[in-house]
Protein backbone atom coordinates (compact mmCIF):
# COMPACT_ATOMS: atom_id res chain seq x y z
CA MET A 1 71.00 89.85 95.95
CA THR A 2 73.08 86.21 97.01
CA ASP A 3 72.20 85.75 93.54
CA LEU A 4 73.24 88.22 91.67
CA ARG A 5 76.27 87.31 89.42
CA ILE A 6 79.01 89.85 88.87
CA ASN A 7 81.19 90.02 86.06
CA VAL A 8 83.75 92.29 85.56
CA ASP A 9 85.94 93.22 82.26
CA ALA A 10 89.51 94.23 84.83
CA ASN A 11 91.31 94.08 81.40
CA ARG A 12 89.11 97.11 80.12
CA VAL A 13 89.43 98.90 83.16
CA TYR A 14 93.57 98.98 82.78
CA ARG A 15 92.94 99.79 79.36
CA GLU A 16 91.34 103.01 79.90
CA LEU A 17 93.33 103.55 83.23
CA ASP A 18 96.33 103.61 80.18
CA GLU A 19 94.47 105.68 77.87
CA LEU A 20 93.20 108.31 80.77
CA ALA A 21 96.97 108.55 81.90
CA THR A 22 98.14 109.57 78.57
CA PHE A 23 95.99 112.58 79.05
CA ASN A 24 99.34 113.75 80.68
CA ASP A 25 101.51 117.36 81.00
CA ALA A 26 104.66 114.50 81.88
CA GLU A 27 106.79 112.06 80.57
CA ILE A 28 105.21 108.07 81.00
CA PRO A 29 105.56 107.20 83.13
CA ALA A 30 104.86 109.70 85.46
CA VAL A 31 101.70 111.63 85.47
CA THR A 32 100.60 115.78 86.50
CA ARG A 33 96.75 116.91 85.55
CA VAL A 34 96.71 119.69 86.98
CA LEU A 35 92.38 121.29 86.90
CA TYR A 36 91.25 123.50 83.69
CA THR A 37 94.23 122.27 81.95
CA PRO A 38 93.93 121.65 78.72
CA VAL A 39 94.55 117.82 79.11
CA ASP A 40 92.36 117.63 82.52
CA LEU A 41 89.63 118.67 80.24
CA LYS A 42 90.39 115.95 77.31
CA ALA A 43 90.61 113.91 80.56
CA ARG A 44 87.33 115.09 81.20
CA ALA A 45 86.42 114.95 77.91
CA PHE A 46 87.84 110.70 77.57
CA LEU A 47 85.18 110.16 80.58
CA LYS A 48 81.93 111.92 79.13
CA ARG A 49 82.43 109.64 76.30
CA LEU A 50 82.88 106.31 78.29
CA CYS A 51 79.50 107.68 80.44
CA ALA A 52 77.60 108.23 77.28
CA ASP A 53 78.68 104.77 75.86
CA ALA A 54 77.12 103.27 78.76
CA GLY A 55 74.01 105.07 78.83
CA LEU A 56 74.92 107.45 81.64
CA THR A 57 73.09 111.29 81.44
CA VAL A 58 75.86 113.76 82.42
CA ARG A 59 75.72 116.59 83.90
CA GLU A 60 78.83 118.84 85.23
CA ASP A 61 78.84 121.84 88.14
CA PRO A 62 79.94 124.83 87.85
CA ILE A 63 83.49 124.68 89.24
CA GLY A 64 83.64 120.81 86.79
CA ASN A 65 82.32 118.07 89.69
CA LEU A 66 80.86 114.96 86.98
CA PHE A 67 78.36 113.34 87.15
CA ALA A 68 77.42 110.49 85.01
CA ARG A 69 73.91 108.67 86.66
CA TRP A 70 72.53 105.31 86.15
CA ALA A 71 68.12 105.83 86.38
CA GLY A 72 66.68 103.79 89.66
CA SER A 73 63.17 102.85 89.16
CA GLU A 74 62.55 105.13 91.55
CA PRO A 75 64.02 108.05 90.57
CA ASN A 76 63.57 110.56 92.91
CA LEU A 77 64.65 108.27 95.72
CA PRO A 78 68.15 109.71 97.29
CA ALA A 79 70.34 108.45 94.77
CA VAL A 80 73.72 106.52 95.65
CA GLY A 81 76.95 107.55 94.51
CA THR A 82 80.48 106.63 93.57
CA GLY A 83 83.39 108.31 92.62
CA SER A 84 86.63 110.01 92.70
CA HIS A 85 88.86 111.96 91.11
CA THR A 86 91.05 112.19 87.94
CA ASP A 87 93.77 115.36 88.62
CA ALA A 88 96.60 113.96 89.58
CA LEU A 89 99.51 115.90 91.32
CA PRO A 90 103.07 116.37 89.40
CA PHE A 91 104.89 113.58 88.59
CA ALA A 92 102.74 111.50 89.93
CA GLY A 93 100.80 108.02 89.02
CA ARG A 94 97.98 106.57 87.18
CA TYR A 95 95.70 104.91 89.54
CA ASP A 96 95.49 107.50 92.71
CA GLY A 97 91.29 108.39 92.77
CA THR A 98 91.09 106.95 88.64
CA VAL A 99 90.78 103.69 90.19
CA GLY A 100 87.59 104.89 91.23
CA VAL A 101 86.47 106.91 88.94
CA LEU A 102 86.87 104.19 85.97
CA GLY A 103 86.53 101.47 88.48
CA GLY A 104 82.81 102.63 89.51
CA LEU A 105 81.55 103.13 86.08
CA ALA A 106 83.03 99.78 85.15
CA ALA A 107 80.78 98.82 88.40
CA ILE A 108 77.84 99.94 87.09
CA ARG A 109 78.61 98.76 83.83
CA ALA A 110 79.05 95.07 85.16
CA LEU A 111 75.46 95.18 86.93
CA GLN A 112 73.72 96.52 83.52
CA THR A 113 75.46 93.49 81.98
CA ALA A 114 74.02 91.24 85.22
CA ARG A 115 70.38 92.53 84.60
CA PHE A 116 70.64 93.85 87.78
CA ARG A 117 67.98 97.38 87.90
CA PRO A 118 68.28 99.22 90.89
CA ARG A 119 65.12 101.20 92.74
CA ARG A 120 67.65 103.87 93.44
CA SER A 121 70.01 105.41 90.92
CA ILE A 122 73.29 104.74 90.75
CA GLU A 123 75.36 107.98 90.09
CA LEU A 124 78.97 108.06 89.08
CA LEU A 125 81.13 111.10 90.65
CA MET A 126 84.23 112.67 89.43
CA PHE A 127 85.50 115.17 91.74
CA THR A 128 86.57 118.30 90.28
CA SER A 129 90.28 119.07 92.20
CA GLU A 130 90.79 116.12 94.78
CA GLU A 131 94.31 117.14 95.11
CA PRO A 132 95.57 120.42 96.70
CA THR A 133 98.23 121.40 93.50
CA ARG A 134 96.55 124.15 91.86
CA PHE A 135 95.68 126.21 94.97
CA GLY A 136 96.73 124.50 97.74
CA LEU A 137 93.79 123.02 99.08
CA GLY A 138 92.89 119.93 98.78
CA CYS A 139 89.02 118.33 97.93
CA VAL A 140 87.69 121.89 96.37
CA GLY A 141 85.17 119.98 95.05
CA SER A 142 83.71 117.93 97.56
CA ARG A 143 83.86 121.00 99.26
CA GLY A 144 81.90 122.52 97.80
CA LEU A 145 79.54 119.84 97.08
CA CYS A 146 79.00 119.87 101.21
CA GLY A 147 78.79 123.17 101.69
CA ALA A 148 82.67 124.35 103.20
CA LEU A 149 83.85 126.10 100.78
CA PRO A 150 80.42 128.04 100.62
CA PRO A 151 80.37 130.13 96.84
CA ASP A 152 82.26 133.25 97.75
CA LYS A 153 85.22 131.74 98.63
CA LEU A 154 85.28 128.98 96.34
CA ALA A 155 85.42 131.75 93.62
CA ASN A 156 87.90 133.70 95.47
CA LEU A 157 90.89 130.73 95.68
CA ARG A 158 93.56 131.05 94.04
CA ASP A 159 96.75 129.92 92.53
CA LYS A 160 100.29 130.52 92.26
CA GLU A 161 99.55 132.57 89.39
CA ASP A 162 97.13 134.20 91.91
CA GLN A 163 94.65 133.57 89.72
CA ARG A 164 90.97 133.26 91.34
CA LEU A 165 89.05 129.99 90.56
CA ASP A 166 86.12 131.91 89.23
CA ASP A 167 87.99 133.01 86.25
CA LEU A 168 89.42 130.13 85.74
CA ARG A 169 86.53 128.39 85.53
CA LEU A 170 85.16 130.10 83.28
CA ALA A 171 87.76 130.41 81.19
CA ALA A 172 87.75 126.57 80.94
CA GLY A 173 84.44 126.57 80.05
CA PHE A 174 82.10 125.78 83.77
CA ARG A 175 79.13 128.13 83.64
CA GLY A 176 76.51 128.85 85.92
CA ASP A 177 75.98 130.66 89.64
CA LEU A 178 78.21 128.46 92.35
CA VAL A 179 75.52 128.32 94.40
CA GLY A 180 74.39 125.88 92.58
CA VAL A 181 77.56 123.51 93.58
CA ARG A 182 76.26 123.05 96.94
CA LEU A 183 74.17 119.46 96.87
CA PRO A 184 70.56 119.58 98.34
CA ALA A 185 69.68 117.88 101.37
CA ASN A 186 69.03 114.26 100.77
CA TYR A 187 70.71 114.00 97.30
CA TYR A 188 72.29 110.93 98.33
CA SER A 189 71.30 108.22 100.37
CA ALA A 190 74.86 107.37 100.75
CA PHE A 191 78.32 107.14 98.90
CA VAL A 192 81.18 104.36 98.90
CA GLU A 193 84.47 104.83 97.14
CA LEU A 194 87.11 102.69 95.66
CA HIS A 195 90.56 103.72 95.77
CA ILE A 196 94.03 102.16 95.84
CA GLU A 197 95.42 101.28 99.89
CA GLN A 198 98.41 104.36 99.00
CA GLY A 199 99.90 102.06 102.09
CA PRO A 200 101.67 98.86 102.03
CA VAL A 201 99.04 96.46 104.68
CA LEU A 202 97.10 94.73 102.14
CA GLU A 203 100.18 93.43 100.62
CA ARG A 204 101.47 92.65 103.67
CA GLU A 205 99.21 90.82 105.07
CA ASN A 206 98.22 89.54 101.65
CA LEU A 207 94.88 90.17 101.46
CA PRO A 208 93.05 91.54 98.80
CA ILE A 209 89.72 94.27 100.11
CA GLY A 210 90.43 96.53 102.54
CA ILE A 211 87.20 98.29 104.16
CA VAL A 212 87.69 101.00 105.61
CA THR A 213 86.26 102.46 109.07
CA ALA A 214 87.61 106.33 109.84
CA ILE A 215 88.94 108.73 107.85
CA ALA A 216 92.53 111.20 109.62
CA ALA A 217 91.92 114.61 108.47
CA PRO A 218 94.77 116.79 109.29
CA ALA A 219 95.17 120.25 110.78
CA ALA A 220 97.55 122.23 108.61
CA LEU A 221 99.70 125.12 109.72
CA ARG A 222 102.03 128.30 108.34
CA MET A 223 104.75 129.22 110.26
CA THR A 224 107.52 131.97 109.83
CA ILE A 225 110.38 132.04 111.58
CA GLU A 226 111.90 135.32 112.41
CA GLY A 227 115.79 136.24 113.10
CA GLU A 228 118.33 138.37 112.44
CA GLY A 229 120.52 137.37 109.71
CA GLY A 230 124.12 138.31 108.16
CA HIS A 231 127.38 137.10 107.32
CA ALA A 232 128.60 133.31 107.46
CA GLY A 233 132.13 134.77 109.15
CA ALA A 234 131.65 137.70 110.86
CA VAL A 235 128.10 137.14 113.13
CA LEU A 236 130.13 135.04 116.35
CA MET A 237 127.78 132.40 117.65
CA PRO A 238 127.26 133.56 121.13
CA GLN A 239 124.88 136.27 118.57
CA ARG A 240 123.33 134.43 116.74
CA ARG A 241 119.43 134.23 116.12
CA ASP A 242 119.24 131.50 113.42
CA ALA A 243 115.80 131.11 112.03
CA LEU A 244 116.90 127.91 110.45
CA CYS A 245 118.26 126.22 113.35
CA ALA A 246 114.98 127.42 115.21
CA ALA A 247 113.08 126.30 112.59
CA ALA A 248 115.01 122.52 112.88
CA GLU A 249 114.34 122.85 116.41
CA ILE A 250 110.67 123.32 115.53
CA ILE A 251 110.89 120.33 113.18
CA LEU A 252 112.33 117.93 115.30
CA ALA A 253 109.34 118.98 118.16
CA VAL A 254 106.73 117.92 115.27
CA GLU A 255 107.86 114.65 115.45
CA ALA A 256 108.75 114.19 118.64
CA ALA A 257 104.91 115.66 119.42
CA ALA A 258 103.67 112.32 116.97
CA LYS A 259 105.40 110.26 118.61
CA ALA A 260 104.42 110.91 122.00
CA THR A 261 100.33 109.95 121.71
CA GLY A 262 101.46 106.83 121.87
CA SER A 263 99.38 106.32 118.59
CA SER A 264 100.35 104.33 115.66
CA ASP A 265 96.97 106.71 113.97
CA THR A 266 99.29 109.86 114.64
CA VAL A 267 101.54 111.19 112.34
CA ALA A 268 102.56 114.96 111.65
CA THR A 269 105.06 115.84 108.39
CA THR A 270 107.26 118.68 108.27
CA GLY A 271 106.80 118.94 104.72
CA ILE A 272 107.84 122.65 103.72
CA CYS A 273 110.30 124.06 104.57
CA ARG A 274 112.16 127.38 102.63
CA VAL A 275 114.76 129.00 104.00
CA HIS A 276 116.17 133.19 103.67
CA PRO A 277 117.75 134.35 101.84
CA GLY A 278 119.25 130.91 100.51
CA ALA A 279 123.34 131.36 100.46
CA VAL A 280 126.16 129.15 101.56
CA ASN A 281 127.67 132.22 103.96
CA SER A 282 125.04 133.78 105.28
CA VAL A 283 123.13 132.89 108.76
CA PRO A 284 119.27 132.10 108.02
CA SER A 285 117.16 135.19 108.74
CA GLN A 286 114.08 133.30 107.85
CA VAL A 287 112.52 130.30 107.63
CA TYR A 288 108.94 128.84 106.32
CA LEU A 289 107.63 125.47 107.18
CA GLU A 290 104.04 124.31 106.60
CA ILE A 291 103.05 121.35 109.05
CA ASP A 292 100.59 118.88 108.38
CA VAL A 293 98.98 116.74 111.38
CA ARG A 294 96.40 113.88 111.02
CA ASP A 295 94.31 110.96 113.17
CA VAL A 296 91.63 109.41 112.96
CA ARG A 297 90.30 111.08 116.27
CA LEU A 298 90.50 114.65 117.14
CA GLU A 299 92.22 114.64 120.99
CA PRO A 300 95.42 113.18 119.86
CA ARG A 301 95.53 115.45 116.39
CA ASP A 302 94.54 118.94 118.42
CA GLN A 303 96.76 117.25 121.00
CA VAL A 304 100.26 117.60 118.61
CA VAL A 305 99.24 120.66 117.68
CA LYS A 306 99.18 122.00 121.16
CA ALA A 307 102.09 120.39 121.68
CA ILE A 308 103.82 122.13 118.53
CA ARG A 309 103.03 124.63 119.32
CA ASN A 310 104.05 125.03 123.16
CA ALA A 311 107.57 123.87 121.38
CA ALA A 312 107.56 127.13 119.26
CA ASP A 313 107.14 129.04 121.91
CA ASP A 314 109.69 127.40 123.73
CA VAL A 315 112.37 128.26 120.44
CA SER A 316 111.39 131.81 120.05
CA GLN A 317 112.05 132.72 123.77
CA ARG A 318 115.21 130.78 124.26
CA ARG A 319 116.64 131.74 120.78
CA GLY A 320 116.20 135.18 119.95
CA VAL A 321 112.69 134.27 117.46
CA LYS A 322 109.41 135.93 115.92
CA ILE A 323 107.67 132.98 115.10
CA ALA A 324 104.11 133.59 113.95
CA ILE A 325 101.97 130.24 112.96
CA GLU A 326 98.40 130.26 111.06
CA MET A 327 96.20 127.03 110.94
CA PHE A 328 94.62 127.35 107.53
CA ASN A 329 93.26 124.13 107.57
CA ALA A 330 91.28 121.86 110.15
CA ASP A 331 88.80 119.23 109.41
CA PRO A 332 87.62 116.82 111.33
CA PRO A 333 88.00 113.51 110.61
CA ALA A 334 85.06 111.00 109.49
CA THR A 335 83.92 107.69 110.55
CA MET A 336 82.50 105.60 107.85
CA ALA A 337 78.90 104.11 108.06
CA ALA A 338 78.12 101.35 109.12
CA SER A 339 75.40 100.68 106.78
CA VAL A 340 77.91 100.80 103.98
CA VAL A 341 80.41 98.95 105.90
CA SER A 342 78.25 96.18 106.50
CA ALA A 343 77.02 96.46 102.74
CA ALA A 344 81.09 96.32 101.79
CA GLU A 345 81.84 92.97 103.97
CA ALA A 346 78.31 91.53 103.28
CA ALA A 347 79.98 91.68 99.09
CA CYS A 348 83.32 91.03 100.38
CA LYS A 349 81.54 87.26 101.72
CA GLN A 350 79.17 86.52 99.00
CA LEU A 351 82.58 86.58 96.59
CA GLY A 352 84.83 84.71 98.91
CA LEU A 353 87.16 87.38 99.60
CA THR A 354 89.04 87.97 102.77
CA TYR A 355 89.31 91.68 103.60
CA LYS A 356 90.57 94.20 106.61
CA ARG A 357 89.03 96.60 108.54
CA MET A 358 91.43 99.16 108.57
CA VAL A 359 91.44 103.40 108.29
CA SER A 360 92.17 105.60 106.26
CA ARG A 361 95.18 108.18 107.05
CA ALA A 362 95.39 109.66 103.52
CA TYR A 363 93.07 112.34 102.64
CA HIS A 364 90.27 111.73 100.69
CA ASP A 365 87.08 113.20 99.28
CA THR A 366 84.73 110.64 101.23
CA LEU A 367 85.81 113.00 104.69
CA PHE A 368 83.01 115.36 102.48
CA MET A 369 80.53 113.70 101.82
CA ALA A 370 80.05 112.11 105.15
CA ARG A 371 78.50 115.59 105.88
CA LEU A 372 76.08 114.65 103.16
CA CYS A 373 75.41 110.82 103.66
CA GLU A 374 76.13 107.57 105.02
CA THR A 375 79.84 106.97 103.82
CA GLY A 376 81.91 104.32 103.09
CA MET A 377 85.04 103.49 101.21
CA ILE A 378 86.61 100.42 99.25
CA PHE A 379 90.81 100.17 99.13
CA ILE A 380 92.53 97.73 97.29
CA PRO A 381 96.46 96.54 97.56
CA CYS A 382 98.69 98.57 95.31
CA ARG A 383 102.23 97.76 94.58
CA ALA A 384 104.74 97.99 98.10
CA GLY A 385 102.28 100.76 99.23
CA VAL A 386 103.45 103.04 97.06
CA SER A 387 101.69 105.95 95.99
CA HIS A 388 101.62 109.49 94.90
CA ARG A 389 105.14 108.63 92.36
CA PRO A 390 105.09 107.20 89.36
CA ASP A 391 105.97 104.15 90.13
CA GLU A 392 102.27 103.38 92.05
CA TYR A 393 100.90 100.16 90.81
CA ALA A 394 97.88 98.14 90.94
CA ALA A 395 97.52 95.16 89.46
CA PRO A 396 94.28 93.93 87.15
CA GLU A 397 93.36 91.47 88.94
CA ALA A 398 92.89 94.00 92.21
CA ILE A 399 91.36 95.84 90.38
CA GLY A 400 89.15 93.46 89.60
CA ARG A 401 88.22 92.45 91.98
CA GLY A 402 87.53 95.74 93.95
CA VAL A 403 85.37 96.82 91.04
CA GLU A 404 83.35 93.68 91.77
CA VAL A 405 83.26 94.26 95.53
CA LEU A 406 81.67 97.98 94.38
CA ALA A 407 79.59 96.73 92.35
CA LEU A 408 77.82 94.23 94.90
CA THR A 409 78.24 96.84 97.82
CA LEU A 410 76.35 99.19 95.10
CA ALA A 411 73.68 97.00 94.32
CA ARG A 412 72.63 96.46 98.13
CA LEU A 413 72.75 99.69 99.06
CA SER A 414 70.75 100.81 95.52
CA ALA A 415 67.99 98.32 96.13
CA ASP A 416 67.03 100.07 100.27
């Protein structure tokens, strides 16, 4: 494997990223691309054309996960997978997810140009709906692939307009029984995802590559605080049961609980706060919160969740408000496989690239692929660590280096 020479056309990948960004419901440089919308379907058609041009066999499953396979010399063996997603949050950037899809395709093309012949098939996978934009739940496609979302739950996911996933996917042209989404056992032997870091570490330390060792997973809470409203001038302070004041205490308790673990890997965010009735001269009677707690280890994450619940109980008693808490998602973190980490490290050494072992605090489809096979992730730097914003940026040379590392990693894993 050490004599394999990889030549990546980074400028081509960059041009393809630019073209993909034109399939978009926002004004450039922002990108908005939501599942099953016309721009999503146009982006899929663009990707399928590129894959066909590379001689890959393309198929889509009943919810739109897209698979493009380069057959190996022993095609009956479990394949090696790579890929990411192309859906984008409203007013996001053009590199999150897409670098892993178009970069994965570029890695396959580079291996083809180098006349490498994989023993195991190499398959590019574009996951459907990694972002939670449409259904309020991230990683829908990979959850379906690993069985975390069984067919009945997949079918009945609903968007903000109360439309069912089953109806929306049929209207978008995706047919077949949802039972067929889950992948069979031993479909993949390994999966590796290329991604922008979405953080500042690699750029700050002037490192070209990060090799992920673990992926954090969130516990997500919904909280409704019921107080008592009234006229802002008429309800005196001693009699108030202000839902927003109660929420403010809880929001600060969320922050304090995360800091109290003493670990930089523990993070907690109150990302949504809706106040009713929302008038300056009315005491808030109800507040709705959504809270995200993450860590690469379960124990500190669950410790924070417990502390938040305890704080809510205390606030409820002291302030005379009712608080309802729902945990609507709590996925376990994932540890990357030593075999994939080693393959990526060997690729970096072959290319003479320095690298850093690091954790991913952001959510990725690889988290769920880890339930199916050995997994890993390769990070490249992005400017100032910015992501999910129009000014998200990864330089062509950074993308090119990432594709080179990915290609050699895939070569090692597929030759096994």
